N, C-alpha and C. Protein backbone atom coordinates (compact mmCIF):
# COMPACT_ATOMS: atom_id res chain seq x y z
N MET A 1 29.86 -106.71 24.33
CA MET A 1 29.23 -105.51 24.88
C MET A 1 30.14 -104.31 24.69
N ALA A 2 31.38 -104.52 24.90
CA ALA A 2 32.38 -103.46 24.73
C ALA A 2 32.49 -103.06 23.30
N LYS A 3 32.35 -104.02 22.36
CA LYS A 3 32.42 -103.76 20.92
C LYS A 3 31.24 -102.92 20.48
N LYS A 4 30.05 -103.20 21.02
CA LYS A 4 28.85 -102.46 20.66
C LYS A 4 28.93 -101.01 21.10
N ASP A 5 29.43 -100.78 22.30
CA ASP A 5 29.58 -99.41 22.80
C ASP A 5 30.58 -98.65 21.98
N LYS A 6 31.59 -99.35 21.54
CA LYS A 6 32.62 -98.71 20.74
C LYS A 6 32.06 -98.26 19.41
N SER A 7 31.22 -99.08 18.79
CA SER A 7 30.61 -98.72 17.49
C SER A 7 29.72 -97.50 17.64
N LYS A 8 28.94 -97.44 18.70
CA LYS A 8 28.07 -96.29 18.95
C LYS A 8 28.87 -95.02 19.15
N LYS A 9 29.98 -95.15 19.84
CA LYS A 9 30.83 -94.00 20.07
C LYS A 9 31.44 -93.50 18.79
N ASP A 10 31.87 -94.43 17.91
CA ASP A 10 32.45 -94.05 16.62
C ASP A 10 31.43 -93.34 15.75
N LYS A 11 30.22 -93.84 15.80
CA LYS A 11 29.16 -93.23 15.01
C LYS A 11 28.88 -91.80 15.46
N ASN A 12 28.86 -91.56 16.75
CA ASN A 12 28.65 -90.21 17.28
C ASN A 12 29.77 -89.27 16.86
N GLU A 13 31.00 -89.79 16.92
CA GLU A 13 32.14 -88.98 16.51
C GLU A 13 32.07 -88.65 15.04
N GLU A 14 31.59 -89.62 14.22
CA GLU A 14 31.46 -89.36 12.78
C GLU A 14 30.44 -88.26 12.50
N ASN A 15 29.29 -88.31 13.19
CA ASN A 15 28.26 -87.26 13.03
C ASN A 15 28.78 -85.90 13.48
N LYS A 16 29.55 -85.93 14.55
CA LYS A 16 30.12 -84.70 15.06
C LYS A 16 31.04 -84.08 14.06
N ASP A 17 31.83 -84.93 13.39
CA ASP A 17 32.75 -84.43 12.37
C ASP A 17 31.99 -83.82 11.21
N VAL A 18 30.89 -84.40 10.84
CA VAL A 18 30.09 -83.89 9.72
C VAL A 18 29.53 -82.52 10.06
N ILE A 19 29.01 -82.37 11.26
CA ILE A 19 28.46 -81.08 11.70
C ILE A 19 29.53 -80.03 11.73
N VAL A 20 30.69 -80.37 12.20
CA VAL A 20 31.81 -79.44 12.26
C VAL A 20 32.24 -79.05 10.87
N GLU A 21 32.23 -80.01 9.95
CA GLU A 21 32.65 -79.74 8.58
C GLU A 21 31.67 -78.78 7.89
N ILE A 22 30.41 -78.97 8.06
CA ILE A 22 29.40 -78.09 7.45
C ILE A 22 29.48 -76.69 8.05
N SER A 23 29.63 -76.66 9.39
CA SER A 23 29.66 -75.36 10.06
C SER A 23 30.91 -74.59 9.68
N SER A 24 32.03 -75.28 9.47
CA SER A 24 33.29 -74.60 9.22
C SER A 24 33.44 -74.21 7.76
N ASP A 25 32.90 -75.04 6.81
CA ASP A 25 33.10 -74.75 5.38
C ASP A 25 32.15 -73.69 4.86
N LYS A 26 30.83 -73.72 5.14
CA LYS A 26 29.85 -72.79 4.57
C LYS A 26 28.97 -72.18 5.66
N PRO A 27 29.53 -71.27 6.43
CA PRO A 27 28.73 -70.66 7.53
C PRO A 27 27.62 -69.76 7.00
N GLU A 28 27.83 -69.11 5.78
CA GLU A 28 26.80 -68.22 5.24
C GLU A 28 25.54 -68.97 4.90
N GLU A 29 25.68 -70.14 4.28
CA GLU A 29 24.51 -70.93 3.90
C GLU A 29 23.75 -71.41 5.13
N VAL A 30 24.52 -71.78 6.14
CA VAL A 30 23.87 -72.24 7.37
C VAL A 30 23.09 -71.09 8.00
N GLU A 31 23.71 -69.90 8.03
CA GLU A 31 23.05 -68.75 8.63
C GLU A 31 21.81 -68.37 7.83
N ALA A 32 21.91 -68.40 6.50
CA ALA A 32 20.77 -68.07 5.65
C ALA A 32 19.65 -69.05 5.86
N GLU A 33 20.02 -70.31 6.02
CA GLU A 33 18.98 -71.32 6.23
C GLU A 33 18.26 -71.09 7.55
N LEU A 34 19.03 -70.75 8.58
CA LEU A 34 18.42 -70.49 9.88
C LEU A 34 17.47 -69.29 9.81
N ILE A 35 17.90 -68.21 9.06
CA ILE A 35 17.05 -67.01 8.91
C ILE A 35 15.78 -67.35 8.18
N ASN A 36 15.90 -68.16 7.12
CA ASN A 36 14.71 -68.57 6.36
C ASN A 36 13.75 -69.35 7.24
N ASP A 37 14.35 -70.20 8.11
CA ASP A 37 13.48 -70.97 9.01
C ASP A 37 12.73 -70.02 9.96
N GLU A 38 13.44 -68.98 10.45
CA GLU A 38 12.79 -68.03 11.35
C GLU A 38 11.70 -67.26 10.63
N ASN A 39 11.98 -66.83 9.39
CA ASN A 39 10.97 -66.09 8.61
C ASN A 39 9.76 -66.97 8.32
N SER A 40 10.02 -68.21 8.07
CA SER A 40 8.91 -69.14 7.81
C SER A 40 8.01 -69.23 9.03
N LEU A 41 8.66 -69.33 10.21
CA LEU A 41 7.88 -69.38 11.44
C LEU A 41 7.06 -68.11 11.62
N ASP A 42 7.67 -66.93 11.31
CA ASP A 42 6.95 -65.65 11.43
C ASP A 42 5.79 -65.59 10.45
N ASP A 43 6.01 -66.10 9.22
CA ASP A 43 4.93 -66.09 8.22
C ASP A 43 3.79 -66.96 8.67
N GLU A 44 4.13 -68.11 9.21
CA GLU A 44 3.07 -69.01 9.70
C GLU A 44 2.28 -68.33 10.82
N LYS A 45 3.01 -67.64 11.70
CA LYS A 45 2.32 -66.95 12.80
C LYS A 45 1.39 -65.87 12.26
N GLU A 46 1.85 -65.09 11.24
CA GLU A 46 1.02 -64.03 10.67
C GLU A 46 -0.17 -64.61 9.92
N ILE A 47 0.05 -65.72 9.27
CA ILE A 47 -1.06 -66.37 8.55
C ILE A 47 -2.14 -66.81 9.54
N LYS A 48 -1.69 -67.35 10.66
CA LYS A 48 -2.65 -67.77 11.68
C LYS A 48 -3.42 -66.58 12.25
N GLN A 49 -2.73 -65.42 12.36
CA GLN A 49 -3.38 -64.23 12.92
C GLN A 49 -4.15 -63.45 11.86
N GLY A 50 -4.13 -63.90 10.62
CA GLY A 50 -4.87 -63.23 9.55
C GLY A 50 -4.17 -62.00 9.02
N LYS A 51 -2.86 -61.91 9.18
CA LYS A 51 -2.09 -60.79 8.72
C LYS A 51 -1.18 -61.25 7.59
N PHE A 52 -1.17 -60.52 6.50
CA PHE A 52 -0.35 -60.87 5.34
C PHE A 52 0.52 -59.67 4.99
N ARG A 53 1.77 -59.92 4.76
CA ARG A 53 2.71 -58.84 4.51
C ARG A 53 2.37 -58.06 3.24
N LYS A 54 1.98 -58.74 2.20
CA LYS A 54 1.66 -58.06 0.95
C LYS A 54 0.47 -57.14 1.11
N GLN A 55 -0.52 -57.64 1.80
CA GLN A 55 -1.70 -56.81 2.01
C GLN A 55 -1.36 -55.62 2.91
N LYS A 56 -0.51 -55.84 3.90
CA LYS A 56 -0.13 -54.77 4.80
C LYS A 56 0.64 -53.69 4.04
N THR A 57 1.55 -54.09 3.17
CA THR A 57 2.30 -53.13 2.38
C THR A 57 1.38 -52.34 1.47
N LYS A 58 0.43 -53.02 0.85
CA LYS A 58 -0.52 -52.36 -0.04
C LYS A 58 -1.38 -51.37 0.74
N LYS A 59 -1.78 -51.77 1.94
CA LYS A 59 -2.60 -50.91 2.77
C LYS A 59 -1.83 -49.66 3.18
N ASN A 60 -0.57 -49.84 3.57
CA ASN A 60 0.26 -48.71 3.94
C ASN A 60 0.45 -47.77 2.76
N GLY A 61 0.59 -48.29 1.57
CA GLY A 61 0.73 -47.47 0.37
C GLY A 61 -0.50 -46.63 0.13
N THR A 62 -1.69 -47.14 0.37
CA THR A 62 -2.93 -46.39 0.19
C THR A 62 -3.03 -45.24 1.18
N VAL A 63 -2.65 -45.46 2.42
CA VAL A 63 -2.67 -44.42 3.44
C VAL A 63 -1.69 -43.31 3.08
N SER A 64 -0.52 -43.63 2.60
CA SER A 64 0.47 -42.63 2.21
C SER A 64 -0.05 -41.77 1.07
N GLN A 65 -0.75 -42.36 0.12
CA GLN A 65 -1.32 -41.61 -0.99
C GLN A 65 -2.36 -40.61 -0.50
N LYS A 66 -3.18 -41.04 0.45
CA LYS A 66 -4.18 -40.14 1.02
C LYS A 66 -3.50 -38.97 1.73
N LYS A 67 -2.47 -39.29 2.48
CA LYS A 67 -1.74 -38.24 3.18
C LYS A 67 -1.11 -37.27 2.18
N TYR A 68 -0.58 -37.83 1.09
CA TYR A 68 0.03 -36.99 0.06
C TYR A 68 -0.99 -36.05 -0.56
N ASP A 69 -2.16 -36.61 -0.90
CA ASP A 69 -3.22 -35.79 -1.48
C ASP A 69 -3.68 -34.70 -0.51
N LYS A 70 -3.78 -35.06 0.76
CA LYS A 70 -4.20 -34.09 1.77
C LYS A 70 -3.18 -32.98 1.92
N LEU A 71 -1.90 -33.35 1.98
CA LEU A 71 -0.85 -32.35 2.10
C LEU A 71 -0.78 -31.46 0.87
N LYS A 72 -0.99 -32.06 -0.29
CA LYS A 72 -0.99 -31.28 -1.53
C LYS A 72 -2.12 -30.27 -1.53
N GLN A 73 -3.30 -30.70 -1.08
CA GLN A 73 -4.46 -29.81 -1.02
C GLN A 73 -4.21 -28.67 -0.03
N GLU A 74 -3.64 -29.01 1.13
CA GLU A 74 -3.33 -27.98 2.13
C GLU A 74 -2.30 -26.98 1.59
N LEU A 75 -1.31 -27.49 0.85
CA LEU A 75 -0.31 -26.61 0.25
C LEU A 75 -0.94 -25.66 -0.75
N GLU A 76 -1.85 -26.18 -1.57
CA GLU A 76 -2.53 -25.32 -2.54
C GLU A 76 -3.38 -24.27 -1.85
N GLU A 77 -4.06 -24.67 -0.76
CA GLU A 77 -4.87 -23.71 -0.01
C GLU A 77 -3.99 -22.63 0.62
N GLN A 78 -2.85 -23.03 1.17
CA GLN A 78 -1.93 -22.07 1.77
C GLN A 78 -1.36 -21.12 0.71
N GLN A 79 -1.08 -21.68 -0.48
CA GLN A 79 -0.56 -20.85 -1.56
C GLN A 79 -1.60 -19.82 -2.00
N GLN A 80 -2.85 -20.26 -2.08
CA GLN A 80 -3.94 -19.35 -2.45
C GLN A 80 -4.12 -18.27 -1.39
N ALA A 81 -4.06 -18.67 -0.12
CA ALA A 81 -4.18 -17.70 0.97
C ALA A 81 -3.03 -16.70 0.94
N PHE A 82 -1.85 -17.19 0.61
CA PHE A 82 -0.68 -16.31 0.52
C PHE A 82 -0.85 -15.29 -0.61
N GLU A 83 -1.35 -15.74 -1.76
CA GLU A 83 -1.58 -14.83 -2.88
C GLU A 83 -2.62 -13.77 -2.53
N GLU A 84 -3.67 -14.18 -1.81
CA GLU A 84 -4.71 -13.23 -1.40
C GLU A 84 -4.14 -12.20 -0.43
N MET A 85 -3.34 -12.66 0.53
CA MET A 85 -2.73 -11.73 1.47
C MET A 85 -1.76 -10.78 0.78
N LYS A 86 -1.01 -11.30 -0.19
CA LYS A 86 -0.08 -10.45 -0.93
C LYS A 86 -0.84 -9.39 -1.71
N ASP A 87 -1.97 -9.78 -2.33
CA ASP A 87 -2.78 -8.82 -3.07
C ASP A 87 -3.34 -7.74 -2.14
N LYS A 88 -3.81 -8.17 -0.96
CA LYS A 88 -4.32 -7.21 0.02
C LYS A 88 -3.22 -6.26 0.48
N TYR A 89 -2.01 -6.79 0.66
CA TYR A 89 -0.89 -5.95 1.08
C TYR A 89 -0.58 -4.89 0.04
N TYR A 90 -0.52 -5.31 -1.25
CA TYR A 90 -0.22 -4.35 -2.30
C TYR A 90 -1.31 -3.29 -2.40
N ARG A 91 -2.59 -3.70 -2.24
CA ARG A 91 -3.68 -2.74 -2.30
C ARG A 91 -3.59 -1.74 -1.14
N ALA A 92 -3.31 -2.28 0.05
CA ALA A 92 -3.20 -1.41 1.23
C ALA A 92 -2.03 -0.44 1.09
N ALA A 93 -0.92 -0.94 0.54
CA ALA A 93 0.25 -0.09 0.35
C ALA A 93 -0.06 1.02 -0.66
N ALA A 94 -0.77 0.67 -1.74
CA ALA A 94 -1.13 1.68 -2.75
C ALA A 94 -2.10 2.71 -2.16
N GLU A 95 -3.08 2.24 -1.40
CA GLU A 95 -4.03 3.16 -0.78
C GLU A 95 -3.33 4.09 0.21
N PHE A 96 -2.41 3.54 0.98
CA PHE A 96 -1.68 4.37 1.94
C PHE A 96 -0.81 5.41 1.23
N ASP A 97 -0.19 4.99 0.12
CA ASP A 97 0.63 5.92 -0.65
C ASP A 97 -0.22 7.05 -1.22
N ASN A 98 -1.41 6.71 -1.74
CA ASN A 98 -2.31 7.73 -2.25
C ASN A 98 -2.79 8.66 -1.13
N PHE A 99 -3.10 8.06 0.02
CA PHE A 99 -3.52 8.87 1.17
C PHE A 99 -2.42 9.83 1.59
N LYS A 100 -1.18 9.34 1.60
CA LYS A 100 -0.06 10.19 2.01
C LYS A 100 0.14 11.34 1.02
N LYS A 101 0.04 11.04 -0.28
CA LYS A 101 0.19 12.09 -1.28
C LYS A 101 -0.94 13.11 -1.17
N ARG A 102 -2.18 12.61 -0.98
CA ARG A 102 -3.32 13.51 -0.87
C ARG A 102 -3.20 14.40 0.38
N THR A 103 -2.76 13.79 1.48
CA THR A 103 -2.59 14.56 2.72
C THR A 103 -1.51 15.61 2.58
N ASN A 104 -0.39 15.23 1.95
CA ASN A 104 0.69 16.20 1.75
C ASN A 104 0.24 17.36 0.87
N LYS A 105 -0.56 17.03 -0.15
CA LYS A 105 -1.07 18.08 -1.04
C LYS A 105 -2.01 19.02 -0.28
N GLU A 106 -2.90 18.43 0.52
CA GLU A 106 -3.83 19.25 1.30
C GLU A 106 -3.09 20.13 2.31
N LEU A 107 -2.06 19.56 2.95
CA LEU A 107 -1.27 20.35 3.90
C LEU A 107 -0.53 21.48 3.20
N SER A 108 -0.02 21.17 1.99
CA SER A 108 0.69 22.19 1.23
C SER A 108 -0.25 23.34 0.85
N ILE A 109 -1.47 22.99 0.42
CA ILE A 109 -2.46 24.02 0.07
C ILE A 109 -2.85 24.81 1.31
N PHE A 110 -3.02 24.11 2.42
CA PHE A 110 -3.40 24.77 3.67
C PHE A 110 -2.35 25.80 4.09
N HIS A 111 -1.07 25.38 4.03
CA HIS A 111 0.00 26.31 4.42
C HIS A 111 0.11 27.46 3.42
N LYS A 112 -0.12 27.17 2.16
CA LYS A 112 0.01 28.20 1.13
C LYS A 112 -1.04 29.29 1.30
N TYR A 113 -2.29 28.86 1.61
CA TYR A 113 -3.39 29.82 1.73
C TYR A 113 -3.88 29.93 3.18
N ALA A 114 -2.95 29.81 4.11
CA ALA A 114 -3.33 29.79 5.53
C ALA A 114 -4.01 31.08 5.96
N GLY A 115 -3.60 32.23 5.37
CA GLY A 115 -4.16 33.51 5.81
C GLY A 115 -5.34 33.97 4.99
N GLU A 116 -5.89 33.13 4.13
CA GLU A 116 -6.96 33.56 3.22
C GLU A 116 -8.18 34.08 3.97
N LYS A 117 -8.61 33.36 4.98
CA LYS A 117 -9.82 33.76 5.69
C LYS A 117 -9.64 35.12 6.37
N VAL A 118 -8.48 35.34 6.98
CA VAL A 118 -8.22 36.61 7.66
C VAL A 118 -8.14 37.74 6.65
N LEU A 119 -7.50 37.48 5.52
CA LEU A 119 -7.35 38.52 4.50
C LEU A 119 -8.70 38.92 3.91
N ARG A 120 -9.60 37.97 3.78
CA ARG A 120 -10.94 38.30 3.27
C ARG A 120 -11.64 39.28 4.21
N GLU A 121 -11.36 39.17 5.50
CA GLU A 121 -11.96 40.09 6.47
C GLU A 121 -11.26 41.45 6.47
N ILE A 122 -9.98 41.48 6.13
CA ILE A 122 -9.20 42.71 6.17
C ILE A 122 -9.40 43.56 4.91
N ILE A 123 -9.55 42.93 3.76
CA ILE A 123 -9.62 43.65 2.49
C ILE A 123 -10.72 44.73 2.47
N PRO A 124 -11.93 44.48 2.97
CA PRO A 124 -12.93 45.57 2.98
C PRO A 124 -12.48 46.79 3.77
N ILE A 125 -11.74 46.56 4.87
CA ILE A 125 -11.22 47.70 5.65
C ILE A 125 -10.19 48.46 4.83
N PHE A 126 -9.38 47.73 4.10
CA PHE A 126 -8.37 48.36 3.24
C PHE A 126 -9.04 49.20 2.15
N ASP A 127 -10.13 48.67 1.58
CA ASP A 127 -10.87 49.40 0.56
C ASP A 127 -11.50 50.68 1.15
N ASP A 128 -12.00 50.58 2.36
CA ASP A 128 -12.59 51.77 3.01
C ASP A 128 -11.53 52.86 3.21
N MET A 129 -10.33 52.44 3.58
CA MET A 129 -9.25 53.40 3.73
C MET A 129 -8.92 54.06 2.40
N SER A 130 -8.94 53.26 1.33
CA SER A 130 -8.67 53.81 0.00
C SER A 130 -9.72 54.84 -0.41
N ARG A 131 -11.00 54.53 -0.16
CA ARG A 131 -12.08 55.47 -0.50
C ARG A 131 -12.00 56.74 0.38
N ALA A 132 -11.61 56.55 1.63
CA ALA A 132 -11.47 57.72 2.52
C ALA A 132 -10.40 58.66 2.02
N LEU A 133 -9.29 58.11 1.52
CA LEU A 133 -8.22 58.94 0.98
C LEU A 133 -8.68 59.68 -0.27
N ASP A 134 -9.48 58.96 -1.11
CA ASP A 134 -9.97 59.59 -2.35
C ASP A 134 -10.90 60.76 -2.05
N ASN A 135 -11.62 60.68 -0.94
CA ASN A 135 -12.57 61.74 -0.58
C ASN A 135 -11.97 62.83 0.30
N GLU A 136 -10.69 62.71 0.62
CA GLU A 136 -10.03 63.73 1.45
C GLU A 136 -9.90 65.04 0.65
N PRO A 137 -10.05 66.17 1.35
CA PRO A 137 -9.80 67.46 0.68
C PRO A 137 -8.36 67.55 0.18
N GLU A 138 -8.15 68.31 -0.82
CA GLU A 138 -6.83 68.41 -1.41
C GLU A 138 -5.84 69.14 -0.51
N LYS A 139 -6.35 69.88 0.44
CA LYS A 139 -5.45 70.58 1.35
C LYS A 139 -4.74 69.60 2.26
N GLU A 140 -3.57 69.90 2.59
CA GLU A 140 -2.78 69.02 3.46
C GLU A 140 -3.21 69.20 4.91
N SER A 141 -3.27 68.13 5.64
CA SER A 141 -3.57 68.16 7.07
C SER A 141 -2.88 66.99 7.74
N ASN A 142 -2.73 67.11 9.09
CA ASN A 142 -2.07 66.03 9.82
C ASN A 142 -2.85 64.73 9.72
N ASP A 143 -4.19 64.85 9.78
CA ASP A 143 -5.02 63.65 9.71
C ASP A 143 -4.87 62.95 8.37
N SER A 144 -4.93 63.71 7.31
CA SER A 144 -4.82 63.09 5.99
C SER A 144 -3.44 62.49 5.77
N THR A 145 -2.43 63.16 6.28
CA THR A 145 -1.07 62.64 6.15
C THR A 145 -0.92 61.34 6.95
N GLY A 146 -1.51 61.35 8.14
CA GLY A 146 -1.45 60.14 8.96
C GLY A 146 -2.20 58.98 8.32
N LEU A 147 -3.38 59.25 7.76
CA LEU A 147 -4.15 58.20 7.08
C LEU A 147 -3.41 57.67 5.86
N ALA A 148 -2.77 58.57 5.15
CA ALA A 148 -2.02 58.15 3.96
C ALA A 148 -0.85 57.26 4.35
N MET A 149 -0.19 57.56 5.46
CA MET A 149 0.94 56.75 5.91
C MET A 149 0.48 55.34 6.33
N ILE A 150 -0.66 55.34 7.05
CA ILE A 150 -1.20 54.03 7.48
C ILE A 150 -1.60 53.19 6.26
N TYR A 151 -2.23 53.85 5.30
CA TYR A 151 -2.65 53.13 4.08
C TYR A 151 -1.44 52.57 3.34
N LYS A 152 -0.39 53.33 3.28
CA LYS A 152 0.82 52.88 2.58
C LYS A 152 1.44 51.66 3.28
N LYS A 153 1.52 51.74 4.60
CA LYS A 153 2.06 50.58 5.35
C LYS A 153 1.18 49.35 5.18
N PHE A 154 -0.12 49.59 5.25
CA PHE A 154 -1.08 48.50 5.07
C PHE A 154 -0.90 47.84 3.70
N SER A 155 -0.75 48.70 2.68
CA SER A 155 -0.56 48.20 1.32
C SER A 155 0.72 47.36 1.20
N ASN A 156 1.79 47.80 1.83
CA ASN A 156 3.06 47.05 1.78
C ASN A 156 2.94 45.69 2.49
N ILE A 157 2.23 45.68 3.60
CA ILE A 157 2.04 44.41 4.33
C ILE A 157 1.28 43.40 3.46
N LEU A 158 0.20 43.89 2.83
CA LEU A 158 -0.58 42.99 1.97
C LEU A 158 0.26 42.48 0.80
N LYS A 159 1.08 43.35 0.26
CA LYS A 159 1.94 42.95 -0.86
C LYS A 159 2.94 41.87 -0.42
N ASN A 160 3.52 42.06 0.76
CA ASN A 160 4.47 41.06 1.27
C ASN A 160 3.80 39.71 1.54
N LEU A 161 2.52 39.75 1.87
CA LEU A 161 1.78 38.50 2.11
C LEU A 161 1.33 37.83 0.82
N GLY A 162 1.51 38.51 -0.32
CA GLY A 162 1.14 37.92 -1.60
C GLY A 162 -0.16 38.45 -2.17
N VAL A 163 -0.66 39.56 -1.63
CA VAL A 163 -1.91 40.15 -2.12
C VAL A 163 -1.58 41.23 -3.14
N GLU A 164 -2.16 41.10 -4.33
CA GLU A 164 -1.94 42.07 -5.40
C GLU A 164 -3.29 42.49 -5.98
N PRO A 165 -3.43 43.79 -6.39
CA PRO A 165 -4.67 44.24 -7.02
C PRO A 165 -4.81 43.66 -8.43
N ILE A 166 -6.05 43.38 -8.85
CA ILE A 166 -6.32 42.86 -10.19
C ILE A 166 -6.40 44.02 -11.17
N GLU A 167 -5.72 43.85 -12.31
CA GLU A 167 -5.77 44.88 -13.34
C GLU A 167 -7.16 44.88 -13.97
N THR A 168 -7.71 46.07 -14.22
CA THR A 168 -9.09 46.16 -14.71
C THR A 168 -9.23 47.03 -15.97
N VAL A 169 -9.18 48.33 -15.84
CA VAL A 169 -9.49 49.26 -16.93
C VAL A 169 -8.55 49.02 -18.12
N GLY A 170 -9.17 48.80 -19.28
CA GLY A 170 -8.42 48.56 -20.51
C GLY A 170 -8.10 47.09 -20.76
N GLU A 171 -8.33 46.23 -19.79
CA GLU A 171 -8.05 44.80 -19.94
C GLU A 171 -9.27 44.09 -20.53
N ASP A 172 -9.01 42.92 -21.12
CA ASP A 172 -10.12 42.08 -21.60
C ASP A 172 -10.91 41.56 -20.40
N PHE A 173 -12.22 41.53 -20.61
CA PHE A 173 -13.06 41.03 -19.52
C PHE A 173 -12.79 39.54 -19.29
N ASN A 174 -12.55 39.21 -18.04
CA ASN A 174 -12.27 37.81 -17.65
C ASN A 174 -13.21 37.45 -16.50
N PRO A 175 -14.17 36.57 -16.77
CA PRO A 175 -15.13 36.24 -15.70
C PRO A 175 -14.49 35.59 -14.48
N ASP A 176 -13.29 35.05 -14.65
CA ASP A 176 -12.59 34.46 -13.50
C ASP A 176 -12.02 35.53 -12.58
N LEU A 177 -11.84 36.76 -13.12
CA LEU A 177 -11.24 37.84 -12.34
C LEU A 177 -12.20 39.00 -12.10
N HIS A 178 -13.09 39.19 -13.05
CA HIS A 178 -13.95 40.38 -13.01
C HIS A 178 -15.41 39.98 -12.82
N HIS A 179 -16.11 40.88 -12.14
CA HIS A 179 -17.56 40.73 -11.97
C HIS A 179 -18.23 41.94 -12.63
N ALA A 180 -18.95 41.69 -13.75
CA ALA A 180 -19.54 42.79 -14.53
C ALA A 180 -20.83 43.27 -13.88
N LEU A 181 -20.83 44.55 -13.48
CA LEU A 181 -22.03 45.15 -12.92
C LEU A 181 -22.90 45.78 -14.00
N MET A 182 -22.25 46.29 -15.06
CA MET A 182 -22.97 46.96 -16.15
C MET A 182 -22.30 46.64 -17.48
N VAL A 183 -23.10 46.77 -18.55
CA VAL A 183 -22.59 46.67 -19.91
C VAL A 183 -22.97 47.98 -20.62
N ARG A 184 -22.00 48.60 -21.31
CA ARG A 184 -22.24 49.92 -21.88
C ARG A 184 -21.63 50.00 -23.27
N ASP A 185 -22.37 50.66 -24.17
CA ASP A 185 -21.83 50.91 -25.51
C ASP A 185 -20.82 52.04 -25.45
N GLU A 186 -19.72 51.85 -26.16
CA GLU A 186 -18.66 52.85 -26.17
C GLU A 186 -18.04 52.88 -27.57
N GLU A 187 -18.01 54.06 -28.18
CA GLU A 187 -17.44 54.17 -29.53
C GLU A 187 -15.93 53.92 -29.49
N ASP A 188 -15.49 53.33 -30.60
CA ASP A 188 -14.06 53.04 -30.79
C ASP A 188 -13.48 52.10 -29.71
N ILE A 189 -14.34 51.39 -29.03
CA ILE A 189 -13.89 50.41 -28.02
C ILE A 189 -14.41 49.03 -28.43
N ALA A 190 -13.53 48.08 -28.47
CA ALA A 190 -13.93 46.71 -28.84
C ALA A 190 -14.81 46.12 -27.74
N PRO A 191 -15.66 45.16 -28.12
CA PRO A 191 -16.52 44.53 -27.10
C PRO A 191 -15.70 43.78 -26.04
N ASP A 192 -16.32 43.60 -24.90
CA ASP A 192 -15.73 42.83 -23.79
C ASP A 192 -14.42 43.43 -23.28
N LYS A 193 -14.42 44.74 -23.23
CA LYS A 193 -13.29 45.45 -22.61
C LYS A 193 -13.77 46.10 -21.32
N VAL A 194 -12.92 46.13 -20.31
CA VAL A 194 -13.27 46.76 -19.04
C VAL A 194 -13.16 48.27 -19.21
N LEU A 195 -14.29 48.96 -19.00
CA LEU A 195 -14.33 50.41 -19.18
C LEU A 195 -14.11 51.17 -17.87
N GLU A 196 -14.60 50.61 -16.80
CA GLU A 196 -14.55 51.34 -15.53
C GLU A 196 -14.50 50.34 -14.36
N GLU A 197 -13.91 50.77 -13.28
CA GLU A 197 -13.80 49.92 -12.08
C GLU A 197 -14.60 50.55 -10.94
N PHE A 198 -15.56 49.76 -10.40
CA PHE A 198 -16.32 50.23 -9.24
C PHE A 198 -15.62 49.86 -7.93
N GLU A 199 -15.15 48.63 -7.86
CA GLU A 199 -14.42 48.18 -6.66
C GLU A 199 -13.20 47.37 -7.10
N LYS A 200 -12.14 47.56 -6.35
CA LYS A 200 -10.91 46.84 -6.67
C LYS A 200 -11.08 45.34 -6.38
N GLY A 201 -10.39 44.57 -7.18
CA GLY A 201 -10.29 43.13 -6.92
C GLY A 201 -8.87 42.76 -6.53
N TYR A 202 -8.70 41.63 -5.85
CA TYR A 202 -7.37 41.25 -5.35
C TYR A 202 -7.10 39.76 -5.59
N MET A 203 -5.84 39.51 -5.88
CA MET A 203 -5.35 38.13 -5.98
C MET A 203 -4.52 37.82 -4.74
N TYR A 204 -4.73 36.61 -4.21
CA TYR A 204 -3.89 36.15 -3.10
C TYR A 204 -3.03 35.02 -3.63
N LYS A 205 -1.76 35.36 -3.94
CA LYS A 205 -0.85 34.43 -4.62
C LYS A 205 -1.45 34.09 -5.98
N ASP A 206 -1.86 32.84 -6.22
CA ASP A 206 -2.45 32.51 -7.53
C ASP A 206 -3.95 32.24 -7.41
N LYS A 207 -4.57 32.80 -6.38
CA LYS A 207 -5.99 32.56 -6.13
C LYS A 207 -6.72 33.90 -6.01
N VAL A 208 -7.96 33.95 -6.53
CA VAL A 208 -8.74 35.19 -6.46
C VAL A 208 -9.25 35.36 -5.03
N LEU A 209 -8.85 36.47 -4.44
CA LEU A 209 -9.31 36.77 -3.09
C LEU A 209 -10.63 37.56 -3.12
N LYS A 210 -10.70 38.45 -4.12
CA LYS A 210 -11.92 39.24 -4.31
C LYS A 210 -12.03 39.63 -5.78
N HIS A 211 -13.19 39.40 -6.39
CA HIS A 211 -13.39 39.77 -7.79
C HIS A 211 -13.54 41.29 -7.92
N ALA A 212 -13.00 41.82 -9.00
CA ALA A 212 -13.16 43.26 -9.27
C ALA A 212 -14.53 43.51 -9.87
N LYS A 213 -15.18 44.57 -9.41
CA LYS A 213 -16.50 44.94 -9.92
C LYS A 213 -16.31 46.03 -10.96
N VAL A 214 -16.75 45.72 -12.20
CA VAL A 214 -16.40 46.58 -13.32
C VAL A 214 -17.59 46.82 -14.25
N VAL A 215 -17.35 47.77 -15.21
CA VAL A 215 -18.27 48.04 -16.32
C VAL A 215 -17.59 47.54 -17.59
N VAL A 216 -18.35 46.81 -18.42
CA VAL A 216 -17.79 46.17 -19.60
C VAL A 216 -18.41 46.76 -20.86
N SER A 217 -17.61 46.88 -21.90
CA SER A 217 -18.10 47.40 -23.18
C SER A 217 -18.95 46.34 -23.88
N LYS A 218 -19.94 46.87 -24.66
CA LYS A 218 -20.88 45.99 -25.33
C LYS A 218 -20.47 45.76 -26.77
């Protein structure tokens, strides 16, 4: 009985030595084998549940492609929207620049001819003063001297404001400056020459304030 127990004990010790030898000599192989066993168990579990790794990977790849296509489409739409906004910005900037130039030009013209309306009202009074002086008797008097002084001051003020009389007699007829009241034959005078002035015309800077009324040769 003692011999039998001894043999069993020796056998256990021999198996123990074998396990120790395998574990100590090649631990990597043992670990790999254990991992493979675990993966096998996981695969069996997935097979039972109807889940397959290859199919899952393929399915995930299809979803990623859809997401990629969607993101690509959104990027293209955003790029198109950006180009449209940029075009609108450039158009708005150009329109604003044109508006600013047009406004500055209008303001410049307004300031340049700011007194035009008032001068149009004053010029007839100035002409009346001129005719009054022409009809004054040749004798000197305080009234005539006073009127002449006022007319002279008035004339200087208009000149300082940029008002100048239009040249008429002896000049070529210019419809932009002259208004022909009559046409008359005149010997030794070329056609379309101003022969006589009925009313003075005036320029305000580079603009006609009043056309001169004249007689033109035929």
